[in-house]
N, C-alpha and C. Protein backbone atom coordinates (compact mmCIF):
# COMPACT_ATOMS: atom_id res chain seq x y z
N MET A 1 26.19 14.17 22.36
CA MET A 1 24.57 13.51 22.97
C MET A 1 23.39 13.87 21.71
N LEU A 2 23.36 15.36 21.77
CA LEU A 2 22.63 16.02 20.86
C LEU A 2 22.73 15.59 19.83
N HIS A 3 23.49 15.17 19.28
CA HIS A 3 23.74 14.47 17.53
C HIS A 3 23.58 13.46 17.59
N VAL A 4 23.45 12.66 18.21
CA VAL A 4 22.63 11.01 18.54
C VAL A 4 21.40 10.87 18.74
N LEU A 5 21.01 11.68 19.14
CA LEU A 5 19.35 12.36 19.36
C LEU A 5 18.54 12.88 18.43
N SER A 6 19.40 13.94 16.97
CA SER A 6 18.81 13.85 16.24
C SER A 6 19.08 13.09 15.22
N ILE A 7 20.08 11.67 15.07
CA ILE A 7 20.04 10.91 14.11
C ILE A 7 18.80 9.73 14.56
N LEU A 8 18.74 9.78 16.07
CA LEU A 8 17.60 8.76 16.32
C LEU A 8 16.28 9.24 15.79
N PHE A 9 15.91 10.66 16.22
CA PHE A 9 14.77 10.93 15.96
C PHE A 9 14.38 10.72 14.09
N LEU A 10 15.42 11.20 13.35
CA LEU A 10 14.97 11.21 11.46
C LEU A 10 14.86 9.65 11.61
N ALA A 11 15.54 8.78 11.89
CA ALA A 11 15.49 7.71 11.65
C ALA A 11 14.21 6.96 12.03
N ILE A 12 13.10 7.57 13.58
CA ILE A 12 12.17 7.43 14.34
C ILE A 12 11.33 7.99 12.82
N ASP A 13 11.47 9.37 12.21
CA ASP A 13 10.70 9.72 11.62
C ASP A 13 10.41 9.08 10.30
N GLY A 14 11.93 8.67 9.56
CA GLY A 14 11.71 7.50 8.52
C GLY A 14 10.89 6.55 8.66
N MET A 15 10.93 5.96 10.03
CA MET A 15 10.33 4.43 9.48
C MET A 15 8.71 4.91 9.89
N ALA A 16 8.11 5.84 10.60
CA ALA A 16 7.03 6.35 10.42
C ALA A 16 6.45 6.55 8.92
N GLN A 17 7.54 7.24 8.31
CA GLN A 17 6.92 7.21 6.90
C GLN A 17 7.07 5.75 6.15
N MET A 18 7.83 4.96 5.94
CA MET A 18 7.91 3.92 5.84
C MET A 18 6.81 3.03 6.26
N GLY A 19 6.29 3.32 7.41
CA GLY A 19 5.20 2.48 7.84
C GLY A 19 4.09 3.16 7.06
N ALA A 20 3.67 4.26 6.92
CA ALA A 20 2.46 4.57 6.60
C ALA A 20 2.26 4.20 5.21
N GLY A 21 3.55 4.41 4.21
CA GLY A 21 3.62 4.02 2.75
C GLY A 21 3.10 2.39 3.00
N ILE A 22 3.48 1.46 3.50
CA ILE A 22 3.15 0.17 3.43
C ILE A 22 1.60 0.07 4.05
N GLY A 23 1.45 0.80 4.96
CA GLY A 23 0.05 0.31 5.27
C GLY A 23 -1.08 1.01 3.81
N ALA A 24 -0.88 2.46 3.58
CA ALA A 24 -1.32 2.34 2.17
C ALA A 24 -1.43 1.43 1.15
N GLY A 25 -0.11 1.05 1.34
CA GLY A 25 -0.22 0.12 -0.28
C GLY A 25 -0.81 -1.10 0.19
N LEU A 26 -0.91 -1.58 1.40
CA LEU A 26 -1.62 -3.18 1.89
C LEU A 26 -2.93 -2.51 1.75
N ALA A 27 -3.98 -1.38 2.36
CA ALA A 27 -4.77 -0.71 2.07
C ALA A 27 -5.50 -0.79 0.71
N ALA A 28 -4.83 -0.46 -0.16
CA ALA A 28 -5.03 -0.70 -1.44
C ALA A 28 -5.32 -2.14 -2.14
N ILE A 29 -4.17 -3.07 -1.73
CA ILE A 29 -3.94 -4.13 -2.12
C ILE A 29 -4.89 -5.01 -1.89
N GLY A 30 -5.64 -4.88 -0.52
CA GLY A 30 -6.73 -5.41 -0.04
C GLY A 30 -7.71 -5.15 -0.42
N ALA A 31 -8.13 -3.46 -0.66
CA ALA A 31 -9.33 -3.06 -1.42
C ALA A 31 -9.62 -4.04 -2.95
N GLY A 32 -8.47 -3.75 -3.68
CA GLY A 32 -8.42 -4.68 -5.10
C GLY A 32 -8.78 -5.96 -4.94
N VAL A 33 -8.22 -6.43 -4.05
CA VAL A 33 -8.65 -8.07 -4.07
C VAL A 33 -9.92 -8.05 -3.73
N GLY A 34 -10.62 -7.34 -2.94
CA GLY A 34 -12.13 -7.67 -2.33
C GLY A 34 -13.17 -7.56 -3.72
N VAL A 35 -12.51 -6.40 -4.38
CA VAL A 35 -13.45 -5.86 -5.43
C VAL A 35 -13.23 -7.22 -6.20
N GLY A 36 -12.23 -7.18 -6.61
CA GLY A 36 -12.23 -8.52 -7.57
C GLY A 36 -12.64 -9.57 -7.39
N LEU A 37 -12.96 -10.41 -5.97
CA LEU A 37 -13.55 -11.55 -5.29
C LEU A 37 -15.07 -11.07 -5.49
N ILE A 38 -15.47 -9.43 -5.38
CA ILE A 38 -16.55 -9.77 -5.56
C ILE A 38 -17.63 -9.75 -6.61
N GLY A 39 -16.43 -9.07 -7.72
CA GLY A 39 -16.92 -8.97 -9.05
C GLY A 39 -17.00 -10.60 -9.50
N SER A 40 -16.07 -10.99 -9.32
CA SER A 40 -15.78 -12.75 -9.51
C SER A 40 -17.36 -13.44 -9.34
N SER A 41 -17.83 -13.35 -8.11
CA SER A 41 -18.72 -13.98 -7.26
C SER A 41 -20.16 -13.38 -8.06
N ALA A 42 -20.04 -11.93 -8.28
CA ALA A 42 -21.01 -11.24 -9.44
C ALA A 42 -21.39 -12.19 -10.83
N VAL A 43 -20.42 -12.02 -11.25
CA VAL A 43 -20.46 -12.47 -12.61
C VAL A 43 -20.94 -14.27 -12.91
N GLU A 44 -20.04 -14.73 -11.48
CA GLU A 44 -20.87 -15.94 -11.42
C GLU A 44 -22.31 -16.21 -10.96
N ALA A 45 -22.75 -15.25 -10.11
CA ALA A 45 -24.04 -15.38 -9.68
C ALA A 45 -24.74 -14.58 -10.92
N ILE A 46 -24.79 -14.05 -11.88
CA ILE A 46 -25.83 -13.63 -13.21
C ILE A 46 -25.65 -14.52 -14.06
N ALA A 47 -24.38 -15.58 -14.05
CA ALA A 47 -24.37 -16.46 -15.03
C ALA A 47 -25.37 -17.73 -14.67
N ARG A 48 -25.27 -17.89 -13.24
CA ARG A 48 -26.34 -18.82 -12.86
C ARG A 48 -27.71 -18.35 -13.07
N GLN A 49 -28.04 -16.64 -12.92
CA GLN A 49 -29.69 -16.53 -12.77
C GLN A 49 -29.49 -15.32 -13.61
N PRO A 50 -29.60 -15.60 -15.08
CA PRO A 50 -29.74 -14.54 -15.76
C PRO A 50 -31.11 -13.39 -15.01
N GLU A 51 -32.30 -13.86 -14.73
CA GLU A 51 -33.31 -12.96 -14.72
C GLU A 51 -33.09 -11.61 -13.32
N ALA A 52 -32.39 -12.78 -12.30
CA ALA A 52 -31.89 -11.71 -11.17
C ALA A 52 -30.56 -10.89 -11.34
N ALA A 53 -29.85 -10.23 -12.67
CA ALA A 53 -28.92 -9.63 -13.32
C ALA A 53 -28.85 -8.29 -12.69
N GLY A 54 -29.94 -7.85 -12.64
CA GLY A 54 -30.26 -6.50 -11.95
C GLY A 54 -29.86 -6.15 -10.64
N ASP A 55 -30.56 -7.27 -10.05
CA ASP A 55 -30.49 -7.01 -8.20
C ASP A 55 -29.28 -7.50 -7.97
N ILE A 56 -28.44 -8.57 -8.85
CA ILE A 56 -26.88 -8.50 -8.35
C ILE A 56 -26.12 -7.95 -8.92
N ARG A 57 -26.33 -6.83 -9.67
CA ARG A 57 -25.21 -6.23 -10.04
C ARG A 57 -25.47 -4.99 -9.44
N ALA A 58 -26.60 -4.60 -8.84
CA ALA A 58 -26.85 -3.84 -7.95
C ALA A 58 -26.40 -3.24 -6.66
N ASN A 59 -26.33 -5.13 -6.10
CA ASN A 59 -25.71 -5.27 -4.60
C ASN A 59 -23.88 -5.27 -4.79
N MET A 60 -23.84 -5.74 -5.77
CA MET A 60 -22.16 -6.00 -6.09
C MET A 60 -21.66 -4.54 -6.52
N ILE A 61 -22.44 -3.61 -6.76
CA ILE A 61 -22.01 -2.01 -7.10
C ILE A 61 -21.89 -1.16 -5.41
N LEU A 62 -22.90 -2.04 -4.69
CA LEU A 62 -22.65 -1.13 -3.01
C LEU A 62 -21.90 -1.99 -2.56
N THR A 63 -21.65 -2.96 -2.62
CA THR A 63 -20.51 -3.75 -1.65
C THR A 63 -19.27 -3.11 -2.11
N ALA A 64 -19.10 -2.99 -3.07
CA ALA A 64 -17.62 -2.62 -3.97
C ALA A 64 -17.36 -1.40 -3.51
N ALA A 65 -18.13 -0.41 -3.06
CA ALA A 65 -18.32 1.11 -2.75
C ALA A 65 -18.03 0.84 -1.14
N LEU A 66 -18.09 0.04 -0.56
CA LEU A 66 -18.38 0.09 0.90
C LEU A 66 -16.89 -0.71 1.18
N VAL A 67 -16.42 -1.51 0.18
CA VAL A 67 -14.95 -1.90 0.32
C VAL A 67 -14.23 -0.74 -0.12
N GLU A 68 -14.54 -0.02 -1.07
CA GLU A 68 -13.30 0.94 -1.21
C GLU A 68 -13.28 2.09 -0.10
N GLY A 69 -14.58 2.25 0.30
CA GLY A 69 -14.40 3.29 1.22
C GLY A 69 -13.71 2.95 2.40
N VAL A 70 -13.26 1.70 2.93
CA VAL A 70 -12.85 1.09 4.06
C VAL A 70 -11.42 1.15 3.57
N ALA A 71 -10.83 1.26 2.35
CA ALA A 71 -9.51 1.31 1.94
C ALA A 71 -9.29 2.93 1.80
N LEU A 72 -9.82 3.57 1.52
CA LEU A 72 -10.04 5.11 1.62
C LEU A 72 -9.66 5.68 3.31
N PHE A 73 -10.43 5.15 4.03
CA PHE A 73 -10.52 5.26 4.93
C PHE A 73 -8.91 4.91 5.81
N GLY A 74 -8.04 3.72 5.73
CA GLY A 74 -7.39 3.36 5.63
C GLY A 74 -6.11 4.15 4.70
N VAL A 75 -5.95 4.45 3.73
CA VAL A 75 -5.19 5.52 3.17
C VAL A 75 -5.47 6.68 3.78
N VAL A 76 -6.39 7.56 4.58
CA VAL A 76 -6.38 8.41 5.18
C VAL A 76 -5.29 8.29 6.57
N VAL A 77 -5.79 7.43 6.67
CA VAL A 77 -4.97 7.06 8.36
C VAL A 77 -3.59 7.25 8.17
N CYS A 78 -3.30 6.56 6.98
CA CYS A 78 -1.64 6.56 6.93
C CYS A 78 -1.39 7.90 6.42
N VAL A 79 -2.18 8.79 5.53
CA VAL A 79 -1.66 10.02 5.63
C VAL A 79 -1.65 11.13 6.82
N LEU A 80 -2.30 10.19 7.40
CA LEU A 80 -2.71 11.46 8.85
C LEU A 80 -1.20 11.47 9.70
N VAL A 81 -0.89 9.91 9.66
CA VAL A 81 0.30 9.39 10.02
C VAL A 81 1.82 10.13 9.77
N LEU A 82 1.84 10.49 8.29
CA LEU A 82 2.88 11.28 7.99
C LEU A 82 2.91 12.71 8.65
N PHE A 83 1.39 13.45 8.55
CA PHE A 83 1.60 14.86 9.19
C PHE A 83 1.68 15.08 10.22
N LEU A 84 1.34 14.07 11.45
CA LEU A 84 0.98 14.56 12.40
C LEU A 84 1.60 13.71 13.64
C-alpha cells in the first residue's frame, strides 16, 4: 500500500512539473504573439502618419513592456508551482 502511494505522489509531482512547463511556455508564446502584433500595428501606424512616429513609438514600447510584464508574472507563477 505504501509503495502505491509513493508512486502516486511521484506521478502527481511529475504532472505538476509538466503543467508548470506548459504554462511557462504558453505565457512566453502569448507574449511573443502580443509584442509581434503591437510592433506590426505600430509600423503600420508610422507608415500612415510619419509625423506622429515619436508618439507611436513611445506608446508601442510602453505597451510591449506591459505585455512582457504579464508574461513574466505567468512564468513566476509557474516557477512557484514547481517549488511550493
